[in-house]
Amino acid sequence: MKGRFRLTLTRKRMLQGYGFVAHWVAGFLLFMLYPLGKSFYYAFGELKVGAAGLEYSYVGLQNFRRAFTVDVDFVPIFLAVVRRTLYHVPLILVFAMFAALLLNRAFAGRTLFRGIFFLPTIVASGPVLLKLLEEDQSAMPVLEVWTMPQWAFQIVPYEVTNFLFGMMESFTYVMWESGVQILIFLAGLQGVSR
């Protein structure tokens, strides 16, 4: 009995924690870090299809110079994506946390509401959301119908009002994108002890 290796409770819990984290680390290395590194490598070169497959030739910063100086569409699209990301990500997280806090309470029909909040994630697994975005249905036109921005500009400065109404108009998109985050926050609220 003395020669046997025994694990303490602390070490068992530590090994369980490493076991849970190992899956994420493996997934990150395979599906995130490797493609990201490969994309970074390809950004400094030119790929051509040859007899042996893809042929890589190093061109340095030429691709970046071409994107920022020659391509007239790149900079506006890049800035629009950065701007959209800067206000969509916090909105999605705040809405998801708020919805998870509401869905964590005990009330009649809680399972139905959980399904309703997660349904857009299942439905909008690609083509549906792309079609909505193509038809510009990711905004709330009610703000334009009621001419609320003009009324608000008289009270609050234009920059603040424009930013806030831009956030409100993208609320539909935020609801469509927050299903997984709601699920994660809900699991944390129910699984992590106080």
Protein backbone atom coordinates (compact mmCIF):
# COMPACT_ATOMS: atom_id res chain seq x y z
CA MET A 1 0.00 0.00 0.00
CA LYS A 2 2.86 2.40 0.72
CA GLY A 3 4.51 1.87 -2.67
CA ARG A 4 1.35 2.83 -4.55
CA PHE A 5 1.05 6.28 -6.10
CA ARG A 6 -1.94 8.10 -4.58
CA LEU A 7 -3.46 11.30 -5.83
CA THR A 8 -4.66 13.91 -3.42
CA LEU A 9 -8.00 15.60 -4.00
CA THR A 10 -6.23 18.79 -5.10
CA ARG A 11 -4.19 16.94 -7.71
CA LYS A 12 -7.26 15.07 -8.97
CA ARG A 13 -9.10 18.34 -9.45
CA MET A 14 -6.04 19.84 -11.10
CA LEU A 15 -5.85 16.91 -13.54
CA GLN A 16 -9.57 17.23 -14.27
CA GLY A 17 -9.08 20.91 -15.01
CA TYR A 18 -6.17 20.17 -17.35
CA GLY A 19 -8.31 17.49 -19.03
CA PHE A 20 -11.07 20.01 -19.72
CA VAL A 21 -8.65 22.66 -20.94
CA ALA A 22 -6.71 20.16 -23.12
CA HIS A 23 -9.62 19.87 -25.55
CA TRP A 24 -9.77 23.62 -26.02
CA VAL A 25 -5.98 23.89 -26.40
CA ALA A 26 -5.94 21.11 -29.01
CA GLY A 27 -8.83 22.71 -30.89
CA PHE A 28 -7.15 26.12 -30.74
CA LEU A 29 -3.85 24.76 -32.03
CA LEU A 30 -5.45 22.77 -34.86
CA PHE A 31 -8.30 25.01 -35.95
CA MET A 32 -7.15 28.50 -34.97
CA LEU A 33 -3.40 28.89 -34.53
CA TYR A 34 -2.33 26.77 -37.51
CA PRO A 35 -4.71 28.43 -40.03
CA LEU A 36 -3.87 31.86 -38.61
CA GLY A 37 -0.14 31.18 -38.96
CA LYS A 38 -0.62 29.82 -42.47
CA SER A 39 -2.64 32.90 -43.47
CA PHE A 40 0.05 35.17 -42.01
CA TYR A 41 2.67 33.23 -44.00
CA TYR A 42 0.64 33.51 -47.21
CA ALA A 43 0.10 37.26 -46.69
CA PHE A 44 3.76 37.89 -47.46
CA GLY A 45 3.82 35.83 -50.63
CA GLU A 46 2.11 35.07 -53.88
CA LEU A 47 0.46 31.73 -54.54
CA LYS A 48 0.23 30.29 -58.01
CA VAL A 49 -1.16 26.99 -59.15
CA GLY A 50 1.63 24.99 -60.76
CA ALA A 51 2.26 21.45 -61.90
CA ALA A 52 3.18 20.37 -58.35
CA GLY A 53 0.24 22.17 -56.73
CA LEU A 54 0.43 25.57 -55.05
CA GLU A 55 3.72 27.35 -55.57
CA TYR A 56 4.67 30.04 -53.06
CA SER A 57 6.96 32.94 -53.83
CA TYR A 58 7.90 35.58 -51.24
CA VAL A 59 6.92 39.16 -52.19
CA GLY A 60 7.34 40.94 -48.84
CA LEU A 61 4.95 43.80 -48.13
CA GLN A 62 3.81 44.11 -51.75
CA ASN A 63 0.35 42.60 -51.00
CA PHE A 64 -0.22 45.11 -48.18
CA ARG A 65 0.95 48.04 -50.31
CA ARG A 66 -1.41 46.98 -53.08
CA ALA A 67 -4.34 46.60 -50.65
CA PHE A 68 -3.85 49.98 -48.95
CA THR A 69 -2.73 52.09 -51.92
CA VAL A 70 -4.05 50.55 -55.16
CA ASP A 71 -7.31 48.81 -54.20
CA VAL A 72 -9.89 51.58 -53.68
CA ASP A 73 -12.43 49.24 -52.04
CA PHE A 74 -10.17 47.71 -49.38
CA VAL A 75 -9.77 50.59 -46.90
CA PRO A 76 -13.49 51.55 -46.68
CA ILE A 77 -14.54 47.91 -46.32
CA PHE A 78 -11.82 47.27 -43.74
CA LEU A 79 -12.83 50.32 -41.68
CA ALA A 80 -16.51 49.37 -41.88
CA VAL A 81 -15.75 45.86 -40.60
CA VAL A 82 -13.59 47.21 -37.75
CA ARG A 83 -16.27 49.76 -36.80
CA ARG A 84 -19.04 47.14 -36.92
CA THR A 85 -16.98 44.73 -34.84
CA LEU A 86 -16.19 47.38 -32.23
CA TYR A 87 -19.82 47.97 -31.45
CA HIS A 88 -21.39 44.58 -32.28
CA VAL A 89 -19.20 42.49 -29.98
CA PRO A 90 -19.92 44.50 -26.80
CA LEU A 91 -23.62 44.68 -27.72
CA ILE A 92 -23.81 40.92 -28.27
CA LEU A 93 -22.08 40.23 -24.96
CA VAL A 94 -24.24 42.66 -22.97
CA PHE A 95 -27.47 41.41 -24.56
CA ALA A 96 -26.43 37.77 -24.07
CA MET A 97 -25.62 38.32 -20.40
CA PHE A 98 -28.89 40.17 -19.83
CA ALA A 99 -30.90 37.43 -21.59
CA ALA A 100 -29.03 34.68 -19.68
CA LEU A 101 -29.80 36.40 -16.37
CA LEU A 102 -33.48 36.56 -17.32
CA LEU A 103 -33.60 32.97 -18.58
CA ASN A 104 -31.87 31.71 -15.44
CA ARG A 105 -34.85 32.71 -13.29
CA ALA A 106 -37.67 30.26 -12.62
CA PHE A 107 -40.85 31.20 -14.52
CA ALA A 108 -43.51 29.46 -16.58
CA GLY A 109 -42.41 28.76 -20.15
CA ARG A 110 -38.71 29.18 -19.43
CA THR A 111 -37.74 26.26 -21.71
CA LEU A 112 -39.80 27.72 -24.56
CA PHE A 113 -38.08 31.10 -24.23
CA ARG A 114 -34.66 29.44 -24.11
CA GLY A 115 -35.49 27.69 -27.37
CA ILE A 116 -36.74 30.93 -28.93
CA PHE A 117 -33.52 32.75 -28.06
CA PHE A 118 -31.36 29.90 -29.41
CA LEU A 119 -33.46 29.25 -32.54
CA PRO A 120 -31.86 32.06 -34.64
CA THR A 121 -28.47 30.46 -34.08
CA ILE A 122 -29.72 27.20 -35.59
CA VAL A 123 -31.69 28.83 -38.41
CA ALA A 124 -29.03 31.40 -39.29
CA SER A 125 -26.24 28.93 -39.70
CA GLY A 126 -25.06 30.75 -42.79
CA PRO A 127 -27.34 31.13 -45.81
CA VAL A 128 -30.35 32.59 -43.98
CA LEU A 129 -28.35 35.33 -42.24
CA LEU A 130 -26.45 36.11 -45.44
CA LYS A 131 -29.73 36.51 -47.30
CA LEU A 132 -31.07 38.83 -44.58
CA LEU A 133 -27.89 40.91 -44.71
CA GLU A 134 -28.05 41.08 -48.52
CA GLU A 135 -31.61 42.39 -48.32
CA ASP A 136 -30.53 44.86 -45.60
CA GLN A 137 -32.91 43.31 -43.06
CA SER A 138 -30.41 43.42 -40.21
CA ALA A 139 -31.59 46.85 -39.01
CA MET A 140 -34.67 48.26 -37.29
CA PRO A 141 -36.35 50.64 -39.76
CA VAL A 142 -38.77 51.78 -37.04
CA LEU A 143 -36.24 54.45 -36.04
CA GLU A 144 -36.33 55.96 -39.52
CA VAL A 145 -40.13 55.76 -39.76
CA TRP A 146 -40.62 57.71 -36.54
CA THR A 147 -37.87 60.22 -37.43
CA MET A 148 -36.41 59.72 -33.98
CA PRO A 149 -32.83 60.71 -34.86
CA GLN A 150 -33.87 64.26 -35.90
CA TRP A 151 -35.77 64.68 -32.64
CA ALA A 152 -32.87 63.34 -30.58
CA PHE A 153 -30.29 65.53 -32.33
CA GLN A 154 -31.93 68.58 -30.77
CA ILE A 155 -31.22 67.30 -27.24
CA VAL A 156 -28.06 65.18 -27.46
CA PRO A 157 -24.93 65.92 -29.56
CA TYR A 158 -24.94 64.45 -33.07
CA GLU A 159 -21.95 62.10 -32.55
CA VAL A 160 -23.45 60.48 -29.45
CA THR A 161 -26.93 60.17 -30.96
CA ASN A 162 -25.62 58.79 -34.24
CA PHE A 163 -23.56 56.16 -32.38
CA LEU A 164 -26.49 55.14 -30.14
CA PHE A 165 -28.97 54.90 -33.00
CA GLY A 166 -26.45 52.91 -35.03
CA MET A 167 -26.31 50.45 -32.15
CA MET A 168 -30.10 50.31 -31.88
CA GLU A 169 -30.50 49.71 -35.61
CA SER A 170 -28.22 46.69 -35.43
CA PHE A 171 -30.28 45.13 -32.63
CA THR A 172 -31.79 42.52 -34.99
CA TYR A 173 -28.31 41.37 -35.97
CA VAL A 174 -27.29 41.30 -32.30
CA MET A 175 -30.25 39.08 -31.44
CA TRP A 176 -29.43 36.73 -34.30
CA GLU A 177 -25.79 36.42 -33.22
CA SER A 178 -26.18 36.09 -29.45
CA GLY A 179 -27.65 32.58 -29.10
CA VAL A 180 -24.39 30.75 -28.37
CA GLN A 181 -23.23 33.44 -25.94
CA ILE A 182 -26.56 33.21 -24.09
CA LEU A 183 -26.06 29.47 -23.81
CA ILE A 184 -22.51 29.88 -22.49
CA PHE A 185 -23.51 32.52 -19.94
CA LEU A 186 -26.51 30.41 -18.88
CA ALA A 187 -24.29 27.36 -18.40
CA GLY A 188 -21.91 29.46 -16.33
CA LEU A 189 -24.72 30.87 -14.20
CA GLN A 190 -26.08 27.39 -13.52
CA GLY A 191 -22.83 25.44 -13.34
CA VAL A 192 -20.47 27.70 -11.42
CA SER A 193 -21.15 27.67 -7.69
CA ARG A 194 -21.69 30.96 -5.88
